[in-house]
């Protein structure tokens, strides 16, 4: 009986569920940009195990960071043109 309980208690992460990336441009300055991630992890039975979250910047290449900075600058410009008088 104890062996059966131990086998059922083992949970192995097998599936990545929802992934969320949040990019923030606080004031138009590249030094103040941030990129955060949230990843939902599920076990072998399809049950939610945990949400991993953190700073995405250390996981990006310099080319990816440059692309994100350019994207945020373009979105800020677009917002200013379309929203501000």
PDB file of N, CA and C in Angstrom:
ATOM      1  N   UNK A   1       0.814  -1.184   0.000  1.00  0.00           N
ATOM      2  CA  UNK A   1       0.000   0.000   0.000  1.00  0.00           C
ATOM      3  C   UNK A   1       0.869   1.264   0.000  1.00  0.00           C
ATOM      4  N   UNK A   2       1.956   1.263   0.785  1.00  0.00           N
ATOM      5  CA  UNK A   2       2.832   2.430   0.836  1.00  0.00           C
ATOM      6  C   UNK A   2       3.473   2.700  -0.519  1.00  0.00           C
ATOM      7  N   UNK A   3       3.864   1.617  -1.240  1.00  0.00           N
ATOM      8  CA  UNK A   3       4.451   1.803  -2.561  1.00  0.00           C
ATOM      9  C   UNK A   3       3.474   2.460  -3.515  1.00  0.00           C
ATOM     10  N   UNK A   4       2.225   2.075  -3.489  1.00  0.00           N
ATOM     11  CA  UNK A   4       1.214   2.646  -4.362  1.00  0.00           C
ATOM     12  C   UNK A   4       1.051   4.143  -4.084  1.00  0.00           C
ATOM     13  N   UNK A   5       1.017   4.515  -2.819  1.00  0.00           N
ATOM     14  CA  UNK A   5       0.857   5.927  -2.465  1.00  0.00           C
ATOM     15  C   UNK A   5       2.048   6.739  -2.977  1.00  0.00           C
ATOM     16  N   UNK A   6       3.264   6.227  -2.812  1.00  0.00           N
ATOM     17  CA  UNK A   6       4.454   6.939  -3.259  1.00  0.00           C
ATOM     18  C   UNK A   6       4.457   7.124  -4.770  1.00  0.00           C
ATOM     19  N   UNK A   7       4.011   6.134  -5.506  1.00  0.00           N
ATOM     20  CA  UNK A   7       3.984   6.249  -6.964  1.00  0.00           C
ATOM     21  C   UNK A   7       2.994   7.317  -7.401  1.00  0.00           C
ATOM     22  N   UNK A   8       1.859   7.407  -6.738  1.00  0.00           N
ATOM     23  CA  UNK A   8       0.866   8.406  -7.098  1.00  0.00           C
ATOM     24  C   UNK A   8       1.303   9.809  -6.690  1.00  0.00           C
ATOM     25  N   UNK A   9       2.137   9.903  -5.672  1.00  0.00           N
ATOM     26  CA  UNK A   9       2.560  11.214  -5.184  1.00  0.00           C
ATOM     27  C   UNK A   9       3.594  11.876  -6.097  1.00  0.00           C
ATOM     28  N   UNK A  10       4.255  11.094  -6.942  1.00  0.00           N
ATOM     29  CA  UNK A  10       5.269  11.650  -7.828  1.00  0.00           C
ATOM     30  C   UNK A  10       4.579  12.406  -8.956  1.00  0.00           C
ATOM     31  N   UNK A  11       4.904  13.673  -9.050  1.00  0.00           N
ATOM     32  CA  UNK A  11       4.342  14.503 -10.123  1.00  0.00           C
ATOM     33  C   UNK A  11       5.489  14.974 -11.009  1.00  0.00           C
ATOM     34  N   UNK A  12       5.318  14.762 -12.287  1.00  0.00           N
ATOM     35  CA  UNK A  12       6.342  15.142 -13.246  1.00  0.00           C
ATOM     36  C   UNK A  12       5.795  16.222 -14.165  1.00  0.00           C
ATOM     37  N   UNK A  13       6.497  17.345 -14.290  1.00  0.00           N
ATOM     38  CA  UNK A  13       6.031  18.364 -15.230  1.00  0.00           C
ATOM     39  C   UNK A  13       6.166  17.836 -16.661  1.00  0.00           C
ATOM     40  N   UNK A  14       5.061  17.843 -17.397  1.00  0.00           N
ATOM     41  CA  UNK A  14       5.073  17.293 -18.754  1.00  0.00           C
ATOM     42  C   UNK A  14       4.542  18.244 -19.817  1.00  0.00           C
ATOM     43  N   UNK A  15       3.832  19.283 -19.390  1.00  0.00           N
ATOM     44  CA  UNK A  15       3.186  20.157 -20.369  1.00  0.00           C
ATOM     45  C   UNK A  15       3.311  21.617 -19.948  1.00  0.00           C
ATOM     46  N   UNK A  16       3.604  22.442 -20.921  1.00  0.00           N
ATOM     47  CA  UNK A  16       3.566  23.891 -20.723  1.00  0.00           C
ATOM     48  C   UNK A  16       2.192  24.342 -21.194  1.00  0.00           C
ATOM     49  N   UNK A  17       1.494  25.013 -20.313  1.00  0.00           N
ATOM     50  CA  UNK A  17       0.172  25.542 -20.663  1.00  0.00           C
ATOM     51  C   UNK A  17       0.308  26.956 -21.182  1.00  0.00           C
ATOM     52  N   UNK A  18      -0.416  27.852 -20.572  1.00  0.00           N
ATOM     53  CA  UNK A  18      -0.430  29.249 -20.970  1.00  0.00           C
ATOM     54  C   UNK A  18       0.934  29.894 -20.740  1.00  0.00           C
ATOM     55  N   UNK A  19       1.352  30.678 -21.716  1.00  0.00           N
ATOM     56  CA  UNK A  19       2.561  31.492 -21.590  1.00  0.00           C
ATOM     57  C   UNK A  19       2.154  32.938 -21.800  1.00  0.00           C
ATOM     58  N   UNK A  20       2.647  33.804 -20.948  1.00  0.00           N
ATOM     59  CA  UNK A  20       2.294  35.213 -21.015  1.00  0.00           C
ATOM     60  C   UNK A  20       3.577  36.036 -20.939  1.00  0.00           C
ATOM     61  N   UNK A  21       3.725  36.971 -21.871  1.00  0.00           N
ATOM     62  CA  UNK A  21       4.866  37.871 -21.882  1.00  0.00           C
ATOM     63  C   UNK A  21       4.315  39.286 -21.737  1.00  0.00           C
ATOM     64  N   UNK A  22       4.832  40.020 -20.764  1.00  0.00           N
ATOM     65  CA  UNK A  22       4.390  41.388 -20.525  1.00  0.00           C
ATOM     66  C   UNK A  22       5.563  42.318 -20.783  1.00  0.00           C
ATOM     67  N   UNK A  23       5.389  43.217 -21.760  1.00  0.00           N
ATOM     68  CA  UNK A  23       6.400  44.212 -22.082  1.00  0.00           C
ATOM     69  C   UNK A  23       5.925  45.558 -21.557  1.00  0.00           C
ATOM     70  N   UNK A  24       6.803  46.281 -20.882  1.00  0.00           N
ATOM     71  CA  UNK A  24       6.432  47.592 -20.353  1.00  0.00           C
ATOM     72  C   UNK A  24       7.427  48.651 -20.799  1.00  0.00           C
ATOM     73  N   UNK A  25       6.865  49.768 -21.194  1.00  0.00           N
ATOM     74  CA  UNK A  25       7.646  50.961 -21.522  1.00  0.00           C
ATOM     75  C   UNK A  25       7.138  52.042 -20.582  1.00  0.00           C
ATOM     76  N   UNK A  26       7.896  52.327 -19.537  1.00  0.00           N
ATOM     77  CA  UNK A  26       7.411  53.236 -18.490  1.00  0.00           C
ATOM     78  C   UNK A  26       7.471  54.702 -18.903  1.00  0.00           C
ATOM     79  N   UNK A  27       8.493  55.082 -19.645  1.00  0.00           N
ATOM     80  CA  UNK A  27       8.652  56.506 -19.948  1.00  0.00           C
ATOM     81  C   UNK A  27       9.361  56.781 -21.278  1.00  0.00           C
ATOM     82  N   UNK A  28       9.480  55.779 -22.117  1.00  0.00           N
ATOM     83  CA  UNK A  28      10.134  55.974 -23.408  1.00  0.00           C
ATOM     84  C   UNK A  28      11.639  55.780 -23.381  1.00  0.00           C
ATOM     85  N   UNK A  29      12.206  55.588 -22.213  1.00  0.00           N
ATOM     86  CA  UNK A  29      13.647  55.379 -22.086  1.00  0.00           C
ATOM     87  C   UNK A  29      13.943  53.871 -22.104  1.00  0.00           C
ATOM     88  N   UNK A  30      14.844  53.443 -22.959  1.00  0.00           N
ATOM     89  CA  UNK A  30      15.150  52.010 -23.099  1.00  0.00           C
ATOM     90  C   UNK A  30      15.583  51.378 -21.781  1.00  0.00           C
ATOM     91  N   UNK A  31      16.268  52.144 -20.944  1.00  0.00           N
ATOM     92  CA  UNK A  31      16.744  51.598 -19.666  1.00  0.00           C
ATOM     93  C   UNK A  31      15.590  51.248 -18.731  1.00  0.00           C
ATOM     94  N   UNK A  32      14.411  51.833 -18.982  1.00  0.00           N
ATOM     95  CA  UNK A  32      13.256  51.602 -18.115  1.00  0.00           C
ATOM     96  C   UNK A  32      12.246  50.620 -18.705  1.00  0.00           C
ATOM     97  N   UNK A  33      12.626  49.930 -19.759  1.00  0.00           N
ATOM     98  CA  UNK A  33      11.761  48.898 -20.323  1.00  0.00           C
ATOM     99  C   UNK A  33      11.878  47.632 -19.481  1.00  0.00           C
ATOM    100  N   UNK A  34      10.806  46.863 -19.438  1.00  0.00           N
ATOM    101  CA  UNK A  34      10.878  45.585 -18.744  1.00  0.00           C
ATOM    102  C   UNK A  34      10.147  44.524 -19.548  1.00  0.00           C
ATOM    103  N   UNK A  35      10.532  43.284 -19.335  1.00  0.00           N
ATOM    104  CA  UNK A  35       9.896  42.136 -19.981  1.00  0.00           C
ATOM    105  C   UNK A  35       9.767  41.045 -18.924  1.00  0.00           C
ATOM    106  N   UNK A  36       8.544  40.669 -18.624  1.00  0.00           N
ATOM    107  CA  UNK A  36       8.254  39.656 -17.612  1.00  0.00           C
ATOM    108  C   UNK A  36       7.574  38.468 -18.280  1.00  0.00           C
ATOM    109  N   UNK A  37       7.737  37.283 -17.706  1.00  0.00           N
ATOM    110  CA  UNK A  37       7.059  36.099 -18.229  1.00  0.00           C
ATOM    111  C   UNK A  37       6.284  35.390 -17.126  1.00  0.00           C
ATOM    112  N   UNK A  38       5.220  34.723 -17.533  1.00  0.00           N
ATOM    113  CA  UNK A  38       4.437  33.820 -16.681  1.00  0.00           C
ATOM    114  C   UNK A  38       4.202  32.553 -17.491  1.00  0.00           C
ATOM    115  N   UNK A  39       4.528  31.415 -16.925  1.00  0.00           N
ATOM    116  CA  UNK A  39       4.358  30.137 -17.617  1.00  0.00           C
ATOM    117  C   UNK A  39       3.647  29.162 -16.684  1.00  0.00           C
ATOM    118  N   UNK A  40       2.535  28.595 -17.153  1.00  0.00           N
ATOM    119  CA  UNK A  40       1.810  27.592 -16.375  1.00  0.00           C
ATOM    120  C   UNK A  40       2.333  26.201 -16.733  1.00  0.00           C
ATOM    121  N   UNK A  41       2.647  25.409 -15.704  1.00  0.00           N
ATOM    122  CA  UNK A  41       3.211  24.068 -15.880  1.00  0.00           C
ATOM    123  C   UNK A  41       2.207  23.033 -15.361  1.00  0.00           C
ATOM    124  N   UNK A  42       2.007  21.973 -16.152  1.00  0.00           N
ATOM    125  CA  UNK A  42       1.066  20.908 -15.796  1.00  0.00           C
ATOM    126  C   UNK A  42       1.788  19.575 -15.681  1.00  0.00           C
ATOM    127  N   UNK A  43       1.245  18.688 -14.847  1.00  0.00           N
ATOM    128  CA  UNK A  43       1.863  17.381 -14.636  1.00  0.00           C
ATOM    129  C   UNK A  43       1.360  16.346 -15.630  1.00  0.00           C
ATOM    130  N   UNK A  44       1.830  15.111 -15.441  1.00  0.00           N
ATOM    131  CA  UNK A  44       1.516  14.015 -16.357  1.00  0.00           C
ATOM    132  C   UNK A  44       0.024  13.682 -16.396  1.00  0.00           C
ATOM    133  N   UNK A  45      -0.732  14.131 -15.393  1.00  0.00           N
ATOM    134  CA  UNK A  45      -2.181  13.883 -15.369  1.00  0.00           C
ATOM    135  C   UNK A  45      -2.975  15.086 -15.857  1.00  0.00           C
ATOM    136  N   UNK A  46      -2.282  16.096 -16.336  1.00  0.00           N
ATOM    137  CA  UNK A  46      -2.954  17.293 -16.823  1.00  0.00           C
ATOM    138  C   UNK A  46      -3.351  18.258 -15.728  1.00  0.00           C
ATOM    139  N   UNK A  47      -2.859  18.032 -14.507  1.00  0.00           N
ATOM    140  CA  UNK A  47      -3.174  18.908 -13.385  1.00  0.00           C
ATOM    141  C   UNK A  47      -2.161  20.035 -13.287  1.00  0.00           C
ATOM    142  N   UNK A  48      -2.663  21.215 -12.961  1.00  0.00           N
ATOM    143  CA  UNK A  48      -1.801  22.373 -12.782  1.00  0.00           C
ATOM    144  C   UNK A  48      -0.812  22.109 -11.653  1.00  0.00           C
ATOM    145  N   UNK A  49       0.470  22.401 -11.902  1.00  0.00           N
ATOM    146  CA  UNK A  49       1.500  22.231 -10.873  1.00  0.00           C
ATOM    147  C   UNK A  49       1.926  23.571 -10.290  1.00  0.00           C
ATOM    148  N   UNK A  50       2.332  24.474 -11.181  1.00  0.00           N
ATOM    149  CA  UNK A  50       2.827  25.757 -10.701  1.00  0.00           C
ATOM    150  C   UNK A  50       2.870  26.766 -11.825  1.00  0.00           C
ATOM    151  N   UNK A  51       2.969  28.027 -11.424  1.00  0.00           N
ATOM    152  CA  UNK A  51       3.175  29.115 -12.368  1.00  0.00           C
ATOM    153  C   UNK A  51       4.590  29.632 -12.143  1.00  0.00           C
ATOM    154  N   UNK A  52       5.368  29.605 -13.194  1.00  0.00           N
ATOM    155  CA  UNK A  52       6.722  30.148 -13.132  1.00  0.00           C
ATOM    156  C   UNK A  52       6.646  31.574 -13.664  1.00  0.00           C
ATOM    157  N   UNK A  53       7.320  32.479 -12.995  1.00  0.00           N
ATOM    158  CA  UNK A  53       7.307  33.865 -13.443  1.00  0.00           C
ATOM    159  C   UNK A  53       8.637  34.519 -13.125  1.00  0.00           C
ATOM    160  N   UNK A  54       8.941  35.530 -13.919  1.00  0.00           N
ATOM    161  CA  UNK A  54      10.193  36.216 -13.664  1.00  0.00           C
ATOM    162  C   UNK A  54      10.557  37.212 -14.739  1.00  0.00           C
ATOM    163  N   UNK A  55      11.767  37.700 -14.641  1.00  0.00           N
ATOM    164  CA  UNK A  55      12.324  38.670 -15.567  1.00  0.00           C
ATOM    165  C   UNK A  55      12.801  37.935 -16.821  1.00  0.00           C
ATOM    166  N   UNK A  56      12.320  38.350 -17.969  1.00  0.00           N
ATOM    167  CA  UNK A  56      12.684  37.701 -19.230  1.00  0.00           C
ATOM    168  C   UNK A  56      14.022  38.198 -19.775  1.00  0.00           C
ATOM    169  N   UNK A  57      14.422  39.391 -19.411  1.00  0.00           N
ATOM    170  CA  UNK A  57      15.616  40.009 -20.004  1.00  0.00           C
ATOM    171  C   UNK A  57      16.870  39.140 -19.951  1.00  0.00           C
ATOM    172  N   UNK A  58      17.179  38.461 -18.833  1.00  0.00           N
ATOM    173  CA  UNK A  58      18.403  37.650 -18.813  1.00  0.00           C
ATOM    174  C   UNK A  58      18.381  36.471 -19.795  1.00  0.00           C
ATOM    175  N   UNK A  59      17.205  36.133 -20.305  1.00  0.00           N
ATOM    176  CA  UNK A  59      17.066  34.991 -21.213  1.00  0.00           C
ATOM    177  C   UNK A  59      17.068  35.404 -22.684  1.00  0.00           C
ATOM    178  N   UNK A  60      17.178  36.696 -22.947  1.00  0.00           N
ATOM    179  CA  UNK A  60      17.121  37.203 -24.320  1.00  0.00           C
ATOM    180  C   UNK A  60      18.513  37.520 -24.850  1.00  0.00           C
ATOM    181  N   UNK A  61      18.665  37.347 -26.149  1.00  0.00           N
ATOM    182  CA  UNK A  61      19.917  37.754 -26.797  1.00  0.00           C
ATOM    183  C   UNK A  61      19.902  39.272 -26.985  1.00  0.00           C
ATOM    184  N   UNK A  62      21.050  39.840 -27.293  1.00  0.00           N
ATOM    185  CA  UNK A  62      21.099  41.284 -27.523  1.00  0.00           C
ATOM    186  C   UNK A  62      20.247  41.667 -28.732  1.00  0.00           C
ATOM    187  N   UNK A  63      20.184  40.815 -29.739  1.00  0.00           N
ATOM    188  CA  UNK A  63      19.346  41.094 -30.909  1.00  0.00           C
ATOM    189  C   UNK A  63      17.862  41.095 -30.533  1.00  0.00           C
ATOM    190  N   UNK A  64      17.453  40.170 -29.687  1.00  0.00           N
ATOM    191  CA  UNK A  64      16.064  40.134 -29.241  1.00  0.00           C
ATOM    192  C   UNK A  64      15.727  41.373 -28.411  1.00  0.00           C
ATOM    193  N   UNK A  65      16.648  41.785 -27.538  1.00  0.00           N
ATOM    194  CA  UNK A  65      16.424  43.002 -26.754  1.00  0.00           C
ATOM    195  C   UNK A  65      16.290  44.221 -27.649  1.00  0.00           C
ATOM    196  N   UNK A  66      17.139  44.304 -28.650  1.00  0.00           N
ATOM    197  CA  UNK A  66      17.074  45.422 -29.595  1.00  0.00           C
ATOM    198  C   UNK A  66      15.729  45.444 -30.302  1.00  0.00           C
ATOM    199  N   UNK A  67      15.242  44.280 -30.699  1.00  0.00           N
ATOM    200  CA  UNK A  67      13.947  44.186 -31.371  1.00  0.00           C
ATOM    201  C   UNK A  67      12.819  44.638 -30.445  1.00  0.00           C
ATOM    202  N   UNK A  68      12.869  44.219 -29.193  1.00  0.00           N
ATOM    203  CA  UNK A  68      11.837  44.610 -28.235  1.00  0.00           C
ATOM    204  C   UNK A  68      11.872  46.114 -27.989  1.00  0.00           C
ATOM    205  N   UNK A  69      13.055  46.684 -27.828  1.00  0.00           N
ATOM    206  CA  UNK A  69      13.180  48.128 -27.617  1.00  0.00           C
ATOM    207  C   UNK A  69      12.605  48.882 -28.813  1.00  0.00           C
ATOM    208  N   UNK A  70      12.913  48.433 -30.019  1.00  0.00           N
ATOM    209  CA  UNK A  70      12.382  49.071 -31.231  1.00  0.00           C
ATOM    210  C   UNK A  70      10.866  48.947 -31.300  1.00  0.00           C
ATOM    211  N   UNK A  71      10.352  47.771 -30.968  1.00  0.00           N
ATOM    212  CA  UNK A  71       8.910  47.541 -30.975  1.00  0.00           C
ATOM    213  C   UNK A  71       8.211  48.468 -29.978  1.00  0.00           C
ATOM    214  N   UNK A  72       8.740  48.555 -28.753  1.00  0.00           N
ATOM    215  CA  UNK A  72       8.127  49.416 -27.745  1.00  0.00           C
ATOM    216  C   UNK A  72       8.181  50.883 -28.172  1.00  0.00           C
ATOM    217  N   UNK A  73       9.277  51.311 -28.773  1.00  0.00           N
ATOM    218  CA  UNK A  73       9.378  52.690 -29.257  1.00  0.00           C
ATOM    219  C   UNK A  73       8.335  52.964 -30.337  1.00  0.00           C
ATOM    220  N   UNK A  74       8.162  52.013 -31.244  1.00  0.00           N
ATOM    221  CA  UNK A  74       7.168  52.174 -32.309  1.00  0.00           C
ATOM    222  C   UNK A  74       5.752  52.219 -31.737  1.00  0.00           C
ATOM    223  N   UNK A  75       5.465  51.395 -30.739  1.00  0.00           N
ATOM    224  CA  UNK A  75       4.135  51.389 -30.129  1.00  0.00           C
ATOM    225  C   UNK A  75       3.880  52.682 -29.347  1.00  0.00           C
ATOM    226  N   UNK A  76       4.925  53.223 -28.696  1.00  0.00           N
ATOM    227  CA  UNK A  76       4.776  54.497 -27.979  1.00  0.00           C
ATOM    228  C   UNK A  76       4.479  55.616 -28.976  1.00  0.00           C
ATOM    229  N   UNK A  77       5.212  55.641 -30.086  1.00  0.00           N
ATOM    230  CA  UNK A  77       4.990  56.651 -31.123  1.00  0.00           C
ATOM    231  C   UNK A  77       3.583  56.546 -31.677  1.00  0.00           C
ATOM    232  N   UNK A  78       3.158  55.350 -31.970  1.00  0.00           N
ATOM    233  CA  UNK A  78       1.801  55.126 -32.503  1.00  0.00           C
ATOM    234  C   UNK A  78       0.749  55.600 -31.507  1.00  0.00           C
ATOM    235  N   UNK A  79       0.917  55.269 -30.233  1.00  0.00           N
ATOM    236  CA  UNK A  79      -0.043  55.679 -29.203  1.00  0.00           C
ATOM    237  C   UNK A  79      -0.081  57.201 -29.095  1.00  0.00           C
ATOM    238  N   UNK A  80       1.091  57.836 -29.104  1.00  0.00           N
ATOM    239  CA  UNK A  80       1.135  59.300 -29.012  1.00  0.00           C
ATOM    240  C   UNK A  80       0.448  59.944 -30.193  1.00  0.00           C
ATOM    241  N   UNK A  81       0.654  59.413 -31.390  1.00  0.00           N
ATOM    242  CA  UNK A  81       0.045  59.977 -32.611  1.00  0.00           C
ATOM    243  C   UNK A  81      -1.466  59.796 -32.624  1.00  0.00           C
ATOM    244  N   UNK A  82      -1.931  58.648 -32.124  1.00  0.00           N
ATOM    245  CA  UNK A  82      -3.361  58.345 -32.230  1.00  0.00           C
ATOM    246  C   UNK A  82      -4.180  58.812 -31.031  1.00  0.00           C
ATOM    247  N   UNK A  83      -3.547  58.995 -29.883  1.00  0.00           N
ATOM    248  CA  UNK A  83      -4.294  59.320 -28.682  1.00  0.00           C
ATOM    249  C   UNK A  83      -4.153  60.782 -28.267  1.00  0.00           C
ATOM    250  N   UNK A  84      -2.938  61.311 -28.365  1.00  0.00           N
ATOM    251  CA  UNK A  84      -2.706  62.682 -27.904  1.00  0.00           C
ATOM    252  C   UNK A  84      -3.116  63.685 -28.989  1.00  0.00           C
ATOM    253  N   UNK A  85      -3.594  64.860 -28.543  1.00  0.00           N
ATOM    254  CA  UNK A  85      -4.005  65.871 -29.548  1.00  0.00           C
ATOM    255  C   UNK A  85      -2.815  66.466 -30.285  1.00  0.00           C
TER     256      UNK A  85
END
